[in-house]
């Protein structure tokens, strides 16, 4: 009697193969060519990508990647592989693999490996704590387009106890290390129009805090971010804090407030030592290490601040991995 061999797939956004301009150009072409990411009509998206972005952005982005690249390779890939190894150790009866929505290792290569190993029952784990069409949905759509099943999917884990506890521990450590006066929670931004149908009307167009999650806004990315902030503030014992959104692109309205503007205002208002946590990223990557750890630090200092410290992502933190393993196990056994 045969038994079904089970697998677990961790999915993240992706990374270039190396920090060279050609490699970054290939990665950006795939990433920004996704209609879930740049949701313009096809002709307009093609024109934007090929006439505006790809002729200029790869050189700038390659320089940014070069600032964080390690001797072992991409930080995102290294941290993601560490998560795979940790989860595999906690779930020895399943096959755990990594697949990136863009770049390598691709989702297609992960599927081929599962097939070669005789794995027919795969639980997908989108490694995005908060739900967004441009991350969670496009990853699941790509996986399904390869002929794979998406019957078993671990939902967004923005309130997962181990995610909150591990993140809070890193926040406390960072605050203590620099004697931070303030904590800024910085999440990846999202165009306002991508909230249509997912949130309370108009909430994404303002700077105020989102209400608690309910039936009306259960899938709202911005509301899930504020839910994460509230949980982290309670767990870490933070008293002075705010929430903002980073990584916006020019040309469209994005959810507010903006991280780059908030941290400058904090410095101008007298905050000298600032800790910045990025709870929409479970693995340290370009957006945390370079955008916040380098560029935001420079902007904060230029505005009058003295020290900006990046709170490490959860990466393969044991508390996070144990909690994630419990969550995954429940779905694997369904």
Protein backbone atom coordinates (compact mmCIF):
# COMPACT_ATOMS: atom_id res chain seq x y z
CA UNK A 1 0.00 0.00 0.00
CA UNK A 2 1.53 3.32 -1.10
CA UNK A 3 1.62 6.38 1.10
CA UNK A 4 1.40 9.97 -0.07
CA UNK A 5 4.68 11.82 0.19
CA UNK A 6 4.12 15.34 1.46
CA UNK A 7 5.98 18.55 0.77
CA UNK A 8 6.12 22.13 2.01
CA UNK A 9 7.00 25.03 -0.27
CA UNK A 10 8.22 28.33 1.16
CA UNK A 11 7.63 31.15 -1.33
CA UNK A 12 9.21 34.58 -1.29
CA UNK A 13 9.50 37.38 -3.85
CA UNK A 14 12.97 36.70 -5.18
CA UNK A 15 16.38 38.16 -5.88
CA UNK A 16 18.77 38.65 -8.79
CA UNK A 17 21.31 35.88 -9.37
CA UNK A 18 24.11 38.36 -8.80
CA UNK A 19 24.42 42.14 -8.30
CA UNK A 20 25.55 42.90 -11.86
CA UNK A 21 23.53 45.27 -14.04
CA UNK A 22 22.50 42.56 -16.58
CA UNK A 23 21.33 40.22 -13.81
CA UNK A 24 19.40 42.96 -12.04
CA UNK A 25 17.84 44.00 -15.36
CA UNK A 26 16.58 40.44 -15.95
CA UNK A 27 15.16 40.29 -12.46
CA UNK A 28 13.41 43.67 -12.71
CA UNK A 29 11.97 42.77 -16.11
CA UNK A 30 10.33 39.69 -14.62
CA UNK A 31 9.27 41.38 -11.39
CA UNK A 32 7.89 44.63 -12.80
CA UNK A 33 6.48 42.85 -15.83
CA UNK A 34 4.01 41.04 -13.57
CA UNK A 35 0.56 42.64 -14.05
CA UNK A 36 -0.16 42.02 -10.35
CA UNK A 37 2.76 44.29 -9.47
CA UNK A 38 2.38 46.97 -12.15
CA UNK A 39 -1.30 46.62 -12.95
CA UNK A 40 -1.50 48.82 -16.03
CA UNK A 41 -2.96 47.77 -19.38
CA UNK A 42 -0.43 45.61 -21.21
CA UNK A 43 0.72 48.26 -23.75
CA UNK A 44 1.18 50.88 -21.02
CA UNK A 45 3.02 48.43 -18.76
CA UNK A 46 5.33 47.43 -21.63
CA UNK A 47 6.07 51.06 -22.45
CA UNK A 48 6.74 51.96 -18.81
CA UNK A 49 9.00 48.97 -18.33
CA UNK A 50 10.99 49.18 -21.55
CA UNK A 51 11.13 52.94 -22.12
CA UNK A 52 11.28 54.30 -18.57
CA UNK A 53 12.41 51.68 -16.04
CA UNK A 54 14.76 49.16 -17.66
CA UNK A 55 17.00 51.68 -19.45
CA UNK A 56 17.85 53.43 -16.16
CA UNK A 57 16.82 51.62 -12.97
CA UNK A 58 19.00 48.46 -13.24
CA UNK A 59 22.24 50.43 -12.79
CA UNK A 60 20.93 52.16 -9.66
CA UNK A 61 19.44 48.96 -8.26
CA UNK A 62 22.60 46.98 -9.02
CA UNK A 63 24.62 49.48 -6.99
CA UNK A 64 22.18 49.03 -4.09
CA UNK A 65 22.46 45.24 -4.28
CA UNK A 66 26.26 45.51 -4.35
CA UNK A 67 26.14 47.31 -0.99
CA UNK A 68 24.53 44.32 0.74
CA UNK A 69 25.76 41.32 -1.28
CA UNK A 70 27.79 38.85 0.76
CA UNK A 71 30.56 36.42 -0.16
CA UNK A 72 27.90 33.69 0.05
CA UNK A 73 25.44 35.56 -2.16
CA UNK A 74 22.09 37.31 -1.80
CA UNK A 75 21.03 37.99 1.82
CA UNK A 76 17.40 37.21 0.96
CA UNK A 77 18.36 33.87 -0.55
CA UNK A 78 20.68 32.98 2.33
CA UNK A 79 18.09 33.87 4.96
CA UNK A 80 15.35 32.03 3.06
CA UNK A 81 17.50 28.90 2.79
CA UNK A 82 18.16 29.10 6.52
CA UNK A 83 14.39 29.12 7.06
CA UNK A 84 14.03 26.06 4.84
CA UNK A 85 16.75 24.23 6.78
CA UNK A 86 15.19 25.14 10.12
CA UNK A 87 11.71 24.06 9.04
CA UNK A 88 13.05 20.83 7.55
CA UNK A 89 14.66 19.98 10.89
CA UNK A 90 11.36 20.60 12.67
CA UNK A 91 9.29 18.68 10.09
CA UNK A 92 11.45 15.66 9.20
CA UNK A 93 8.55 13.71 7.69
CA UNK A 94 7.96 16.20 4.87
CA UNK A 95 10.14 17.58 2.08
CA UNK A 96 10.71 21.34 2.51
CA UNK A 97 11.80 23.40 -0.48
CA UNK A 98 12.15 27.05 -1.50
CA UNK A 99 10.68 28.73 -4.56
CA UNK A 100 10.89 32.38 -5.59
CA UNK A 101 8.12 34.15 -7.47
CA UNK A 102 10.79 35.86 -9.58
CA UNK A 103 14.35 34.71 -10.20
CA UNK A 104 15.93 31.57 -8.75
CA UNK A 105 15.28 29.08 -7.35
CA UNK A 106 12.09 29.37 -9.37
CA UNK A 107 8.71 27.92 -8.52
CA UNK A 108 9.04 25.74 -11.61
CA UNK A 109 12.32 24.27 -10.34
CA UNK A 110 10.73 23.57 -6.96
CA UNK A 111 7.84 21.77 -8.63
CA UNK A 112 10.24 19.68 -10.72
CA UNK A 113 12.13 18.70 -7.60
CA UNK A 114 8.93 17.71 -5.80
CA UNK A 115 7.93 15.61 -8.82
CA UNK A 116 11.35 13.95 -8.99
CA UNK A 117 11.05 13.03 -5.31
CA UNK A 118 7.54 11.66 -5.71
CA UNK A 119 5.95 14.43 -3.65
CA UNK A 120 2.32 14.84 -4.69
CA UNK A 121 0.81 16.70 -1.71
CA UNK A 122 2.35 20.16 -1.27
CA UNK A 123 1.45 22.78 1.34
CA UNK A 124 2.34 26.27 0.13
CA UNK A 125 3.63 28.86 2.62
CA UNK A 126 3.68 32.40 1.18
CA UNK A 127 6.32 34.08 3.33
CA UNK A 128 4.42 37.35 3.47
CA UNK A 129 2.90 38.08 6.90
CA UNK A 130 0.28 40.43 5.42
CA UNK A 131 -1.86 39.66 2.37
CA UNK A 132 -1.45 41.61 -0.86
CA UNK A 133 -2.32 40.82 -4.45
CA UNK A 134 1.17 41.89 -5.52
CA UNK A 135 2.82 39.32 -3.25
CA UNK A 136 0.59 36.55 -1.91
CA UNK A 137 -1.89 36.31 -4.76
CA UNK A 138 0.60 36.50 -7.62
CA UNK A 139 2.74 33.81 -5.98
CA UNK A 140 -0.22 31.45 -5.67
CA UNK A 141 -1.38 32.22 -9.21
CA UNK A 142 2.07 31.44 -10.60
CA UNK A 143 2.26 28.18 -8.66
CA UNK A 144 -1.15 27.10 -9.92
CA UNK A 145 -0.29 28.10 -13.52
CA UNK A 146 2.46 25.47 -13.43
CA UNK A 147 -0.16 22.78 -12.93
CA UNK A 148 0.38 22.53 -9.19
CA UNK A 149 -2.39 22.40 -6.60
CA UNK A 150 -3.04 25.29 -4.25
CA UNK A 151 -5.51 23.36 -2.10
CA UNK A 152 -3.27 23.68 0.96
CA UNK A 153 -2.07 27.21 1.66
CA UNK A 154 -0.94 28.65 4.98
CA UNK A 155 -2.79 31.97 5.38
CA UNK A 156 -1.13 35.32 6.20
CA UNK A 157 0.53 35.02 9.60
CA UNK A 158 0.59 38.67 10.68
CA UNK A 159 -0.75 37.67 14.11
CA UNK A 160 1.06 34.32 14.47
CA UNK A 161 2.23 34.17 18.12
CA UNK A 162 5.76 33.08 17.27
CA UNK A 163 6.12 35.75 14.59
CA UNK A 164 5.05 38.41 17.07
CA UNK A 165 7.18 37.03 19.90
CA UNK A 166 10.34 36.68 17.80
CA UNK A 167 9.88 40.12 16.25
CA UNK A 168 9.22 41.68 19.65
CA UNK A 169 12.37 40.10 21.09
CA UNK A 170 14.45 41.65 18.30
CA UNK A 171 12.77 45.01 18.86
CA UNK A 172 13.55 44.92 22.59
CA UNK A 173 17.17 43.97 21.90
CA UNK A 174 17.62 46.77 19.36
CA UNK A 175 15.95 49.38 21.56
CA UNK A 176 18.19 48.39 24.47
CA UNK A 177 21.33 48.34 22.33
CA UNK A 178 21.03 51.98 21.22
CA UNK A 179 18.73 53.23 23.98
CA UNK A 180 16.19 54.11 21.29
CA UNK A 181 13.71 56.86 22.06
CA UNK A 182 11.23 55.80 19.39
CA UNK A 183 10.31 52.80 17.23
CA UNK A 184 9.16 53.21 13.64
CA UNK A 185 7.33 50.25 12.09
CA UNK A 186 8.02 50.38 8.36
CA UNK A 187 6.06 48.13 6.00
CA UNK A 188 6.37 47.72 2.26
CA UNK A 189 4.11 50.21 0.51
CA UNK A 190 1.27 49.45 -1.89
CA UNK A 191 -0.52 51.60 -4.48
CA UNK A 192 -3.78 52.96 -3.09
CA UNK A 193 -5.87 51.57 -5.94
CA UNK A 194 -4.79 48.01 -5.12
CA UNK A 195 -6.88 48.28 -1.96
CA UNK A 196 -10.10 48.56 -3.96
CA UNK A 197 -12.60 46.10 -2.58
CA UNK A 198 -10.31 45.02 0.25
CA UNK A 199 -10.67 47.80 2.78
CA UNK A 200 -12.94 50.35 4.34
CA UNK A 201 -13.60 52.99 1.64
CA UNK A 202 -11.03 55.77 1.80
CA UNK A 203 -8.96 54.33 4.64
CA UNK A 204 -5.84 53.80 2.52
CA UNK A 205 -5.85 57.42 1.36
CA UNK A 206 -5.16 58.90 4.78
CA UNK A 207 -2.39 58.91 7.37
CA UNK A 208 -4.51 57.73 10.30
CA UNK A 209 -4.45 54.28 11.86
CA UNK A 210 -6.62 51.55 10.36
CA UNK A 211 -9.41 50.09 12.52
CA UNK A 212 -9.24 46.57 13.91
CA UNK A 213 -9.68 43.76 11.41
CA UNK A 214 -13.25 42.68 10.75
CA UNK A 215 -15.41 41.25 8.00
CA UNK A 216 -15.16 44.43 5.94
CA UNK A 217 -11.37 44.74 5.90
CA UNK A 218 -10.15 41.21 6.67
CA UNK A 219 -7.96 41.12 3.55
CA UNK A 220 -6.83 44.73 3.70
CA UNK A 221 -3.03 44.89 3.62
CA UNK A 222 -2.86 48.23 5.42
CA UNK A 223 -5.22 47.10 8.17
CA UNK A 224 -3.20 43.91 8.65
CA UNK A 225 -0.05 46.02 8.98
CA UNK A 226 -1.59 48.13 11.73
CA UNK A 227 -2.79 44.93 13.42
CA UNK A 228 0.80 43.69 13.39
CA UNK A 229 2.03 46.97 14.85
CA UNK A 230 -0.47 46.84 17.70
CA UNK A 231 0.54 43.26 18.55
CA UNK A 232 4.25 44.11 18.45
CA UNK A 233 3.84 47.23 20.56
CA UNK A 234 2.06 45.21 23.24
CA UNK A 235 4.58 42.36 23.13
CA UNK A 236 7.70 44.56 23.07
CA UNK A 237 6.47 47.12 25.59
CA UNK A 238 6.98 50.03 23.19
CA UNK A 239 5.49 53.38 24.23
CA UNK A 240 6.59 55.79 21.49
CA UNK A 241 6.01 54.51 17.97
CA UNK A 242 4.33 55.03 14.62
CA UNK A 243 3.62 53.07 11.44
CA UNK A 244 4.70 54.02 7.93
CA UNK A 245 5.21 52.53 4.46
CA UNK A 246 8.38 52.33 2.37
CA UNK A 247 9.57 51.43 -1.14
CA UNK A 248 7.02 53.43 -3.12
CA UNK A 249 7.49 54.08 -6.83
CA UNK A 250 6.78 57.36 -8.56
CA UNK A 251 3.74 57.92 -10.74
CA UNK A 252 0.88 56.66 -8.57
CA UNK A 253 -0.64 57.35 -5.18
CA UNK A 254 0.64 55.00 -2.49
CA UNK A 255 -0.65 54.22 0.97
CA UNK A 256 0.49 56.67 3.60
CA UNK A 257 2.29 57.81 5.69
CA UNK A 258 5.67 57.43 3.97
CA UNK A 259 8.65 56.08 5.89
CA UNK A 260 11.19 58.47 4.35
CA UNK A 261 9.09 61.48 5.34
CA UNK A 262 8.22 60.21 8.82
CA UNK A 263 11.80 59.50 9.89
CA UNK A 264 12.97 62.95 8.76
CA UNK A 265 10.11 64.56 10.70
CA UNK A 266 11.03 62.51 13.79
CA UNK A 267 14.62 63.76 13.61
CA UNK A 268 13.43 67.33 13.16
CA UNK A 269 11.17 66.90 16.19
CA UNK A 270 14.11 65.92 18.37
CA UNK A 271 14.28 62.13 18.20
CA UNK A 272 17.98 61.30 18.27
CA UNK A 273 17.97 57.50 18.49
CA UNK A 274 15.49 55.61 16.33
CA UNK A 275 14.85 51.88 15.94
CA UNK A 276 13.16 50.80 12.70
CA UNK A 277 11.38 47.45 12.43
CA UNK A 278 10.18 46.12 9.06
CA UNK A 279 7.54 43.49 9.89
CA UNK A 280 6.38 42.87 6.33
CA UNK A 281 9.74 41.22 5.60
CA UNK A 282 10.48 37.86 7.24
CA UNK A 283 13.98 37.70 5.74
CA UNK A 284 16.46 40.55 5.64
CA UNK A 285 16.89 41.77 2.09
CA UNK A 286 17.50 44.85 -0.05
CA UNK A 287 14.53 46.72 1.40
CA UNK A 288 15.67 46.25 4.99
CA UNK A 289 19.46 46.22 4.77
CA UNK A 290 20.00 48.92 2.14
CA UNK A 291 16.84 51.01 2.02
CA UNK A 292 16.47 51.27 5.80
CA UNK A 293 19.83 50.25 7.22
CA UNK A 294 21.80 52.53 4.88
CA UNK A 295 19.71 55.12 3.04
CA UNK A 296 17.20 55.79 5.81
CA UNK A 297 20.02 55.98 8.34
CA UNK A 298 21.78 58.61 6.23
CA UNK A 299 18.57 60.63 5.80
CA UNK A 300 17.82 60.46 9.53
CA UNK A 301 21.29 61.69 10.43
CA UNK A 302 21.16 64.46 7.85
CA UNK A 303 17.88 65.66 9.39
CA UNK A 304 19.44 65.90 12.85
CA UNK A 305 19.21 62.37 14.23
CA UNK A 306 22.20 60.60 15.74
CA UNK A 307 21.54 56.89 15.36
CA UNK A 308 19.09 54.77 13.35
CA UNK A 309 19.21 51.05 14.08
CA UNK A 310 17.54 48.46 11.87
CA UNK A 311 15.69 45.77 13.82
CA UNK A 312 16.67 42.42 12.24
CA UNK A 313 13.91 40.49 10.48
CA UNK A 314 12.81 37.24 12.09
CA UNK A 315 14.84 35.29 9.52
CA UNK A 316 15.28 31.80 11.04
CA UNK A 317 14.68 32.89 14.64
CA UNK A 318 13.93 29.69 16.63
CA UNK A 319 10.73 31.07 18.16
CA UNK A 320 9.38 32.05 14.74
CA UNK A 321 10.35 28.75 13.12
CA UNK A 322 8.77 26.68 15.90
CA UNK A 323 5.52 28.60 15.61
CA UNK A 324 5.57 28.43 11.81
CA UNK A 325 6.22 24.69 11.97
CA UNK A 326 3.14 24.23 14.17
CA UNK A 327 1.05 26.26 11.73
CA UNK A 328 2.39 24.36 8.72
CA UNK A 329 1.84 21.00 10.42
CA UNK A 330 -1.85 21.75 10.85
CA UNK A 331 -2.24 22.35 7.12
CA UNK A 332 -0.06 19.43 6.05
CA UNK A 333 -2.22 17.04 8.05
CA UNK A 334 -5.52 18.29 6.67
